[in-house]
Protein backbone atom coordinates (compact mmCIF):
# COMPACT_ATOMS: atom_id res chain seq x y z
CA MET A 1 147.24 219.63 174.69
CA LYS A 2 149.95 217.64 175.92
CA GLN A 3 149.74 214.51 173.82
CA LYS A 4 151.66 211.56 175.01
CA ILE A 5 152.71 208.79 172.63
CA SER A 6 153.88 205.32 173.85
CA VAL A 7 157.19 203.63 172.80
CA THR A 8 155.66 200.73 171.28
CA GLU A 9 153.49 203.42 169.04
CA LEU A 10 156.56 205.63 167.90
CA SER A 11 158.07 202.65 167.04
CA GLU A 12 155.87 201.50 164.83
CA GLY A 13 155.11 204.67 163.13
CA LEU A 14 158.82 205.59 162.47
CA ARG A 15 158.80 201.60 160.83
CA GLN A 16 156.10 202.52 158.33
CA GLY A 17 158.40 205.75 157.33
CA ARG A 18 156.07 208.98 159.68
CA GLN A 19 158.23 212.12 159.15
CA ILE A 20 159.09 212.54 163.55
CA LYS A 21 161.79 214.35 164.46
CA LEU A 22 163.01 212.70 168.03
CA VAL A 23 164.65 215.20 170.41
CA ASP A 24 165.91 213.82 173.48
CA VAL A 25 166.40 216.97 175.29
CA ARG A 26 168.12 215.89 178.58
CA SER A 27 172.23 216.95 179.20
CA ALA A 28 174.43 216.06 176.36
CA ASP A 29 176.20 214.29 179.31
CA GLU A 30 173.17 211.79 179.33
CA TYR A 31 172.89 211.54 175.95
CA ALA A 32 175.81 210.41 175.23
CA SER A 33 175.67 207.71 178.05
CA GLY A 34 172.22 206.54 176.00
CA HIS A 35 170.15 207.46 173.41
CA ALA A 36 166.99 206.22 171.45
CA ALA A 37 168.87 205.53 168.22
CA GLN A 38 168.02 208.55 165.63
CA ALA A 39 167.22 210.65 167.81
CA ILE A 40 169.04 214.40 168.14
CA ASN A 41 170.22 216.44 171.51
CA VAL A 42 168.99 219.30 171.85
CA PRO A 43 169.47 219.74 175.71
CA LEU A 44 165.60 221.66 177.20
CA GLU A 45 168.01 224.78 178.02
CA GLN A 46 169.13 224.77 174.77
CA LEU A 47 165.36 224.27 173.44
CA GLU A 48 163.58 228.69 172.45
CA ALA A 49 167.86 229.34 171.05
CA ARG A 50 167.54 226.16 168.83
CA LEU A 51 164.03 226.93 167.53
CA ASP A 52 165.34 226.40 164.17
CA ASP A 53 167.15 223.04 163.72
CA LEU A 54 163.64 221.73 165.31
CA GLY A 55 162.83 222.04 161.14
CA ASP A 56 158.34 221.40 161.11
CA GLN A 57 157.59 217.90 161.06
CA THR A 58 155.71 216.02 163.85
CA ILE A 59 158.64 215.85 167.01
CA ALA A 60 158.05 213.31 169.37
CA LEU A 61 159.89 214.36 172.43
CA LEU A 62 162.52 212.27 174.50
CA CYS A 63 164.19 212.80 178.72
CA GLN A 64 165.39 209.83 181.18
CA SER A 65 161.55 209.28 182.19
CA GLY A 66 159.07 211.91 180.63
CA ARG A 67 158.95 214.51 182.86
CA ARG A 68 161.32 216.79 180.94
CA ALA A 69 160.26 216.29 177.85
CA GLU A 70 156.78 217.79 179.29
CA MET A 71 158.30 220.90 180.31
CA ALA A 72 160.28 220.81 176.99
CA CYS A 73 156.36 220.45 175.33
CA ASP A 74 155.45 223.92 177.56
CA VAL A 75 158.65 225.43 176.10
CA LEU A 76 158.13 224.67 172.16
CA ASP A 77 153.80 224.85 172.16
CA GLU A 78 154.13 228.36 170.85
CA HIS A 79 156.43 227.52 168.36
CA HIS A 80 155.68 224.20 167.06
CA HIS A 81 152.20 222.51 165.98
CA SER A 82 153.24 218.79 166.04
CA LEU A 83 154.36 217.44 169.21
CA LEU A 84 154.21 214.41 170.92
CA ILE A 85 155.64 213.49 174.56
CA VAL A 86 157.49 209.99 174.27
CA GLU A 87 155.09 207.81 177.50
CA GLY A 88 158.13 206.69 179.70
CA GLY A 89 161.21 208.84 177.43
CA THR A 90 164.33 207.13 177.21
CA GLN A 91 164.31 204.49 180.09
CA ALA A 92 161.51 203.16 178.25
CA TRP A 93 162.81 202.72 175.09
CA GLU A 94 165.50 200.71 176.35
CA ARG A 95 163.22 198.73 178.27
CA GLU A 96 161.45 197.76 175.13
CA GLY A 97 164.63 196.55 173.86
CA LYS A 98 164.77 199.45 170.92
CA PRO A 99 167.99 200.09 169.17
CA MET A 100 170.11 201.99 171.88
CA VAL A 101 172.99 203.86 170.33
CA ARG A 102 176.37 204.78 173.07
CA ALA A 103 178.83 206.52 172.52
CA SER A 104 180.81 206.45 176.38
CA SER A 105 181.50 203.05 178.23
CA SER A 106 179.38 204.99 181.50
CA ARG A 107 175.83 204.53 181.73
CA TRP A 108 175.72 207.13 183.96
CA SER A 109 175.31 211.01 182.97
CA LEU A 110 178.70 212.95 184.64
CA GLU A 111 176.02 215.89 186.40
CA ARG A 112 174.53 212.60 188.58
CA GLN A 113 178.84 210.64 188.44
CA VAL A 114 178.90 214.44 190.43
CA ARG A 115 176.14 214.34 192.68
CA LEU A 116 176.27 210.76 194.05
CA ALA A 117 180.38 212.25 194.48
CA ALA A 118 180.16 214.51 196.77
CA GLY A 119 176.66 213.82 198.17
CA LEU A 120 179.19 211.25 199.47
CA ILE A 121 182.04 213.18 200.50
CA VAL A 122 179.47 215.28 202.07
CA LEU A 123 177.90 212.72 204.36
CA THR A 124 181.69 210.71 205.36
CA ALA A 125 182.73 214.25 206.24
CA SER A 126 179.82 214.89 208.31
CA ALA A 127 179.92 212.21 209.67
CA LEU A 128 183.96 212.29 210.22
CA ALA A 129 182.74 215.26 212.68
CA LEU A 130 180.54 214.38 214.57
CA THR A 131 182.29 211.81 214.70
CA VAL A 132 186.15 211.76 214.80
CA ASP A 133 187.06 215.90 214.83
CA ILE A 134 184.66 218.93 213.78
CA LYS A 135 187.17 219.71 211.47
CA TRP A 136 185.68 217.76 208.83
CA LEU A 137 182.72 220.27 208.20
CA PHE A 138 185.36 221.77 206.15
CA LEU A 139 185.50 219.57 203.66
CA SER A 140 181.84 219.35 203.52
CA ALA A 141 181.73 222.91 203.65
CA PHE A 142 184.52 223.24 200.43
CA VAL A 143 182.06 220.38 197.93
CA GLY A 144 178.85 223.15 199.05
CA ALA A 145 181.00 225.75 197.98
CA GLY A 146 182.12 223.77 194.76
CA LEU A 147 178.36 223.06 193.60
CA THR A 148 177.70 226.67 194.28
CA ILE A 149 180.65 227.73 192.17
CA ALA A 150 179.40 225.44 189.74
CA GLY A 151 176.44 225.99 189.70
CA LEU A 152 176.81 230.22 188.98
CA THR A 153 179.46 229.59 186.67
CA ASN A 154 178.40 226.78 184.39
CA PHE A 155 182.23 225.03 185.37
CA CYS A 156 182.61 222.11 187.24
CA GLY A 157 185.51 221.11 188.80
CA MET A 158 184.57 217.36 189.89
CA GLY A 159 182.55 217.34 186.26
CA LEU A 160 186.08 218.40 184.67
CA LEU A 161 187.92 215.03 186.56
CA PHE A 162 184.92 213.34 185.67
CA SER A 163 185.68 213.02 182.41
CA LYS A 164 189.03 212.45 182.03
CA LEU A 165 188.28 208.66 183.63
CA PRO A 166 188.38 205.94 181.42
CA TRP A 167 184.36 205.20 181.92
CA ASN A 168 182.99 208.24 180.71
CA GLN A 169 186.21 208.10 177.36
CA PRO A 170 184.03 207.88 174.64
CA ARG A 171 184.42 204.42 172.60
CA ARG A 172 187.10 204.30 169.93
CA SER A 173 186.28 201.01 168.66
CA GLY A 174 183.41 198.29 167.67
CA ARG A 175 179.70 199.20 166.71
CA MET A 176 178.35 201.75 168.78
CA VAL A 177 175.08 200.53 168.79
CA GLN A 178 173.31 198.07 170.12
CA GLU A 179 170.38 196.22 168.29
CA ALA A 180 166.95 195.43 169.52
CA HIS A 181 166.92 192.44 172.26
CA SER A 182 163.91 191.09 170.07
């Protein structure tokens, strides 16, 4: 059975010293763009391979909004006895003004940036193919092929290029933890 916990209940339990390990199951890029203070990153696709990293204490699973945390709970259910799903995920954590850690300037994950750029390129090329010249379809095909190769090989050239952009660079100075607003 999936047991859910609100951000308020989780925060209060942590404040009282309850031994709860926060596990963020988003990708490393999403995690770097902003995660709950104290959370460790174990991406959903790595969970089964990293069971030993989780220990025996209660685990509170976080993702962006809660869906991947539920999937993670399904994966871990037979391996771990005490699992909690944080309702609303990292979005709820941040909405409630809880401390966040940001390792990059961007609040968007690389994956989201690539999806937006690829979608805009395909949309623009398709519009140009309809209104200017049919040869613009080759650009859409090129982007589609790139996304297919990225899915098959787990190497994304556009993601690599975007990772070099200034807003995706790790912060080099100043505090990385944003304190709670209240």
